[in-house]
Amino acid sequence: MTLDRQAIAQMIDHTLLKPEATAGDVERLCADAVDLGVLAVCVSPSQVPTARAALVGTPVRLATVAGFPSGAHQPSVKATEAGRAVEQGAVEVDMVIDLGLAKAGKWAELEREVALVRAAVPAPNLLKVIIESAALTDEEIETVCRAAVGAGTDFVKTSTGFHPAGGATVGAVRLMRATVGASVGVKASGGIRTSADAVAMVEAGASRLGTSGSAAILAGLG
C-alpha cells in the first residue's frame, strides 16, 4: 500500500471526546471530516444524535465510545450504552475494557464483558476494544487481545488518550498486530499528531488511526 494522503485519510477516526464539547463543536468536527475525506468521526455517546444529523448524505462513518474513559463500569452498563448508541445511528463502538480485570488476570471475566458488548453491537456494526496498552505489560497486552478476539471484536485499540500512562506506541501496535493476526483490525490512538506518527503506526500494523489532529497529519502528506 502507498501511504499517501488519501490512504491515510481513509484510516482516520476524526475524534472529539473532550467532555466540554458542545453540539456546535461536533457539527464543526463533522464538517471538517467531510472536507478532509476521513473515514469516520468518533464522538461521545451524548453527541451521537448531533453527529448523525450532521453526517446525513455523507460517506463518513459514525463511531462512539462505551465505558469511556475509565472502563470501570458494570458490563451491563457498557452494553446498554453501546446498544443505545447503535439505535441512535452509530455504526462503530469503541469500548474500554475493565483494566482491573486485566491486571488481576481475570481473563474469562474480561472476555465475558467484551462478549456482552459485542451482542449489543451486532454485525455489520463494528466493535473496537480499547485495552490501554501503555498501562499493560507485553504479556497482558497479548492476553487481552486474545480475549477480545475470542469475544468477537472487530478491532483492538491501543488507548483512550486519557490514561496517564500514555497513548499509542509503535511497539504496542506491532505486538497487537502480531497477536491478533491479519483478520482483526488494530487501531492506534492517543498522541498521534503528525504525518510521521501516522505512517509509523500504519507501518507497525495499524489499520485505523484515532486522532484529533487529522488536519495536521494530512497536511503533512501533501
Protein backbone atom coordinates (compact mmCIF):
# COMPACT_ATOMS: atom_id res chain seq x y z
CA MET A 1 0.00 0.00 0.00
CA THR A 2 1.15 3.54 -0.81
CA LEU A 3 0.75 5.60 2.33
CA ASP A 4 -0.33 8.80 0.63
CA ARG A 5 -2.82 11.38 1.86
CA GLN A 6 -5.90 9.55 0.61
CA ALA A 7 -4.84 6.20 2.04
CA ILE A 8 -4.14 7.64 5.49
CA ALA A 9 -7.36 9.70 5.44
CA GLN A 10 -9.34 6.51 4.90
CA MET A 11 -7.86 5.06 8.10
CA ILE A 12 -8.69 8.03 10.34
CA ASP A 13 -11.36 8.28 13.01
CA HIS A 14 -11.53 12.10 13.38
CA THR A 15 -12.09 12.33 17.11
CA LEU A 16 -13.66 14.72 19.61
CA LEU A 17 -14.14 13.25 23.08
CA LYS A 18 -13.48 16.25 25.29
CA PRO A 19 -16.20 16.32 27.96
CA GLU A 20 -16.80 20.03 27.38
CA ALA A 21 -17.50 19.61 23.65
CA THR A 22 -20.73 21.27 22.54
CA ALA A 23 -23.15 20.37 19.77
CA GLY A 24 -21.60 23.17 17.72
CA ASP A 25 -18.15 21.66 18.20
CA VAL A 26 -19.44 18.31 16.99
CA GLU A 27 -21.08 19.86 13.95
CA ARG A 28 -17.78 21.52 13.05
CA LEU A 29 -15.96 18.22 13.57
CA CYS A 30 -18.30 16.52 11.13
CA ALA A 31 -17.94 19.28 8.54
CA ASP A 32 -14.17 19.05 8.84
CA ALA A 33 -14.33 15.26 8.49
CA VAL A 34 -16.20 15.58 5.21
CA ASP A 35 -13.77 18.21 3.91
CA LEU A 36 -10.75 16.11 4.91
CA GLY A 37 -12.12 12.91 3.40
CA VAL A 38 -11.58 10.83 6.53
CA LEU A 39 -13.28 7.51 7.15
CA ALA A 40 -15.14 8.25 10.39
CA VAL A 41 -15.78 10.61 13.25
CA CYS A 42 -15.74 9.48 16.87
CA VAL A 43 -17.80 11.42 19.42
CA SER A 44 -19.16 10.95 22.94
CA PRO A 45 -22.40 8.96 23.28
CA SER A 46 -24.48 12.02 24.15
CA GLN A 47 -23.37 13.63 20.88
CA VAL A 48 -24.32 10.74 18.60
CA PRO A 49 -27.67 12.26 17.53
CA THR A 50 -25.99 15.56 16.68
CA ALA A 51 -23.27 13.86 14.67
CA ARG A 52 -25.77 11.60 12.92
CA ALA A 53 -27.76 14.60 11.72
CA ALA A 54 -24.61 16.39 10.60
CA LEU A 55 -23.40 13.42 8.58
CA VAL A 56 -26.61 12.64 6.67
CA GLY A 57 -25.83 12.24 2.97
CA THR A 58 -22.08 11.92 3.51
CA PRO A 59 -19.84 8.82 3.34
CA VAL A 60 -18.34 9.47 6.78
CA ARG A 61 -18.98 6.74 9.34
CA LEU A 62 -20.17 7.49 12.87
CA ALA A 63 -18.33 6.00 15.85
CA THR A 64 -18.76 6.47 19.57
CA VAL A 65 -17.39 5.09 22.83
CA ALA A 66 -18.69 2.95 25.70
CA GLY A 67 -17.39 2.74 29.25
CA PHE A 68 -15.23 5.74 28.46
CA PRO A 69 -12.66 6.68 29.61
CA SER A 70 -12.01 4.53 32.71
CA GLY A 71 -13.60 1.23 31.70
CA ALA A 72 -14.59 0.75 35.35
CA HIS A 73 -18.28 0.30 34.61
CA GLN A 74 -20.58 -2.65 35.04
CA PRO A 75 -20.55 -4.74 31.83
CA SER A 76 -24.32 -4.42 31.53
CA VAL A 77 -23.99 -0.64 31.64
CA LYS A 78 -21.42 -0.68 28.84
CA ALA A 79 -23.65 -2.95 26.78
CA THR A 80 -26.67 -0.72 27.32
CA GLU A 81 -24.69 2.38 26.41
CA ALA A 82 -23.33 0.70 23.28
CA GLY A 83 -26.70 -0.63 22.21
CA ARG A 84 -28.37 2.74 22.67
CA ALA A 85 -25.68 4.39 20.55
CA VAL A 86 -26.30 1.92 17.73
CA GLU A 87 -30.04 2.60 17.94
CA GLN A 88 -29.28 6.31 17.55
CA GLY A 89 -27.12 5.84 14.47
CA ALA A 90 -23.59 4.89 15.49
CA VAL A 91 -22.15 2.12 13.34
CA GLU A 92 -18.93 1.68 15.32
CA VAL A 93 -18.42 1.45 19.08
CA ASP A 94 -15.07 1.70 20.86
CA MET A 95 -15.43 0.12 24.32
CA VAL A 96 -12.93 0.41 27.16
CA ILE A 97 -12.06 -2.80 29.00
CA ASP A 98 -12.12 -3.04 32.77
CA LEU A 99 -8.39 -2.65 33.35
CA GLY A 100 -8.75 -4.06 36.85
CA LEU A 101 -9.77 -7.39 35.35
CA ALA A 102 -6.68 -7.40 33.13
CA LYS A 103 -4.30 -6.50 35.94
CA ALA A 104 -5.85 -9.21 38.14
CA GLY A 105 -5.58 -11.80 35.36
CA LYS A 106 -9.34 -12.38 35.27
CA TRP A 107 -9.34 -13.18 31.60
CA ALA A 108 -12.59 -15.14 31.46
CA GLU A 109 -14.46 -12.24 33.09
CA LEU A 110 -12.88 -9.81 30.67
CA GLU A 111 -13.87 -11.96 27.71
CA ARG A 112 -17.46 -12.16 29.01
CA GLU A 113 -17.56 -8.37 29.31
CA VAL A 114 -16.49 -7.91 25.71
CA ALA A 115 -18.93 -10.57 24.54
CA LEU A 116 -21.81 -8.77 26.27
CA VAL A 117 -21.00 -5.54 24.46
CA ARG A 118 -20.48 -7.43 21.20
CA ALA A 119 -24.04 -8.74 21.49
CA ALA A 120 -25.26 -5.15 21.78
CA VAL A 121 -23.26 -4.12 18.71
CA PRO A 122 -24.19 -6.77 16.15
CA ALA A 123 -22.55 -7.01 12.73
CA PRO A 124 -22.30 -5.21 10.38
CA ASN A 125 -21.66 -2.64 13.11
CA LEU A 126 -18.03 -2.65 14.26
CA LEU A 127 -16.77 -3.20 17.78
CA LYS A 128 -13.34 -1.92 18.84
CA VAL A 129 -11.88 -2.91 22.21
CA ILE A 130 -9.68 -0.32 23.92
CA ILE A 131 -7.04 -2.05 26.02
CA GLU A 132 -4.96 0.90 27.35
CA SER A 133 -1.76 -0.73 26.16
CA ALA A 134 0.50 1.75 27.97
CA ALA A 135 -0.86 0.50 31.31
CA LEU A 136 -0.22 -3.18 30.50
CA THR A 137 2.79 -5.45 30.25
CA ASP A 138 3.55 -7.13 26.94
CA GLU A 139 2.14 -10.40 28.27
CA GLU A 140 -1.03 -8.64 29.40
CA ILE A 141 -1.38 -6.96 26.00
CA GLU A 142 -1.18 -10.33 24.27
CA THR A 143 -3.67 -11.98 26.62
CA VAL A 144 -6.16 -9.10 26.50
CA CYS A 145 -6.03 -9.12 22.71
CA ARG A 146 -6.66 -12.85 22.59
CA ALA A 147 -9.62 -12.46 24.97
CA ALA A 148 -11.08 -9.67 22.85
CA VAL A 149 -10.73 -11.73 19.69
CA GLY A 150 -12.32 -14.70 21.46
CA ALA A 151 -15.30 -12.50 22.31
CA GLY A 152 -15.73 -11.47 18.68
CA THR A 153 -14.25 -7.99 18.44
CA ASP A 154 -13.52 -6.47 15.05
CA PHE A 155 -10.61 -4.34 16.30
CA VAL A 156 -8.29 -3.99 19.24
CA LYS A 157 -7.33 -0.41 20.08
CA THR A 158 -4.36 0.91 21.99
CA SER A 159 -5.68 3.73 24.10
CA THR A 160 -8.36 6.19 25.15
CA GLY A 161 -5.89 9.06 25.07
CA PHE A 162 -6.95 9.91 28.62
CA HIS A 163 -4.86 7.47 30.69
CA PRO A 164 -1.83 8.97 32.48
CA ALA A 165 0.33 6.01 31.37
CA GLY A 166 0.24 7.35 27.82
CA GLY A 167 -1.15 6.57 24.39
CA ALA A 168 -0.16 4.54 21.36
CA THR A 169 3.37 3.35 20.73
CA VAL A 170 4.87 1.64 17.73
CA GLY A 171 5.92 -1.27 19.93
CA ALA A 172 2.43 -1.83 21.29
CA VAL A 173 0.88 -1.66 17.82
CA ARG A 174 3.40 -4.14 16.48
CA LEU A 175 2.72 -6.54 19.35
CA MET A 176 -1.04 -6.22 18.99
CA ARG A 177 -0.86 -6.93 15.25
CA ALA A 178 1.35 -9.97 15.84
CA THR A 179 -1.13 -11.25 18.42
CA VAL A 180 -4.40 -10.80 16.50
CA GLY A 181 -3.13 -11.67 13.03
CA ALA A 182 -4.43 -10.29 9.77
CA SER A 183 -8.16 -10.88 10.27
CA VAL A 184 -8.71 -8.40 13.13
CA GLY A 185 -8.13 -4.66 12.92
CA VAL A 186 -5.67 -2.71 15.07
CA LYS A 187 -6.48 0.90 15.93
CA ALA A 188 -3.72 3.18 17.17
CA SER A 189 -4.98 6.09 19.22
CA GLY A 190 -3.53 8.56 21.68
CA GLY A 191 -0.78 11.05 20.86
CA ILE A 192 -0.84 10.67 17.06
CA ARG A 193 -0.34 14.25 15.87
CA THR A 194 1.95 14.26 12.82
CA SER A 195 2.13 12.53 9.47
CA ALA A 196 5.30 10.77 10.66
CA ASP A 197 3.41 9.44 13.70
CA ALA A 198 0.59 8.19 11.50
CA VAL A 199 2.84 6.49 8.96
CA ALA A 200 4.88 4.84 11.71
CA MET A 201 1.74 3.38 13.29
CA VAL A 202 0.48 2.03 9.98
CA GLU A 203 3.85 0.53 9.15
CA ALA A 204 3.79 -1.17 12.57
CA GLY A 205 0.45 -2.77 11.77
CA ALA A 206 -2.32 -0.27 12.49
CA SER A 207 -5.30 -0.39 10.16
CA ARG A 208 -7.14 2.50 11.82
CA LEU A 209 -5.95 5.72 13.49
CA GLY A 210 -7.79 7.70 16.14
CA THR A 211 -6.77 11.34 16.29
CA SER A 212 -7.96 14.87 16.83
CA GLY A 213 -5.04 16.09 14.72
CA SER A 214 -6.32 14.89 11.35
CA ALA A 215 -5.81 18.18 9.52
CA ALA A 216 -2.16 18.48 10.53
CA ILE A 217 -1.48 14.83 9.76
CA LEU A 218 -2.99 15.03 6.30
CA ALA A 219 -1.36 18.39 5.54
CA GLY A 220 1.97 16.74 6.14
CA LEU A 221 1.18 14.20 3.43
CA GLY A 222 0.66 16.76 0.69
